[in-house]
Amino acid sequence: MDIKVPVPSIEEQEVVGRFFSNIDNLIAANQRKLDLLKEQKKGFLQNMFV
């Protein structure tokens, strides 16, 4: 079988890799921010109902 599979150039693969790495970092940063906000909310609710 002579099936040709197109493969992007190394430069394009690096650009795509950096893009997804940046997306991963952004998701991680927002997850940390969300976790902190949930903790802050929990603290506020504990202060309200003491």
Protein backbone atom coordinates (compact mmCIF):
# COMPACT_ATOMS: atom_id res chain seq x y z
CA MET A 1 0.00 0.00 0.00
CA ASP A 2 1.29 3.40 -0.94
CA ILE A 3 -0.57 5.64 1.46
CA LYS A 4 0.92 9.06 1.97
CA VAL A 5 0.32 10.58 5.36
CA PRO A 6 0.93 14.32 5.51
CA VAL A 7 3.13 15.35 8.42
CA PRO A 8 3.58 19.00 9.39
CA SER A 9 7.07 20.44 9.39
CA ILE A 10 9.14 20.47 12.58
CA GLU A 11 8.64 24.23 12.90
CA GLU A 12 4.86 23.85 12.68
CA GLN A 13 4.91 21.02 15.21
CA GLU A 14 6.88 23.23 17.61
CA VAL A 15 4.40 26.10 17.18
CA VAL A 16 1.47 23.77 17.86
CA GLY A 17 3.30 22.31 20.87
CA ARG A 18 3.94 25.77 22.33
CA PHE A 19 0.30 26.70 21.73
CA PHE A 20 -0.98 23.69 23.67
CA SER A 21 1.61 24.25 26.39
CA ASN A 22 0.36 27.82 26.80
CA ILE A 23 -3.23 26.58 26.95
CA ASP A 24 -2.24 24.03 29.64
CA ASN A 25 -0.55 26.77 31.68
CA LEU A 26 -3.59 29.02 31.36
CA ILE A 27 -5.93 26.23 32.49
CA ALA A 28 -3.67 25.45 35.47
CA ALA A 29 -3.53 29.12 36.50
CA ASN A 30 -7.30 29.47 36.28
CA GLN A 31 -7.79 26.25 38.25
CA ARG A 32 -5.55 27.60 41.03
CA LYS A 33 -7.50 30.87 41.00
CA LEU A 34 -10.79 28.98 41.19
CA ASP A 35 -9.53 26.89 44.11
CA LEU A 36 -8.49 30.03 45.99
CA LEU A 37 -11.85 31.66 45.36
CA LYS A 38 -13.67 28.56 46.62
CA GLU A 39 -11.60 28.66 49.81
CA GLN A 40 -12.34 32.37 50.20
CA LYS A 41 -16.06 31.70 49.73
CA LYS A 42 -15.93 28.96 52.34
CA GLY A 43 -14.25 31.35 54.78
CA PHE A 44 -16.83 34.07 54.16
CA LEU A 45 -19.69 31.63 54.72
CA GLN A 46 -18.14 30.41 57.97
CA ASN A 47 -17.86 34.02 59.19
CA MET A 48 -21.48 34.75 58.29
CA PHE A 49 -22.91 31.79 60.21
CA VAL A 50 -20.78 31.84 63.34
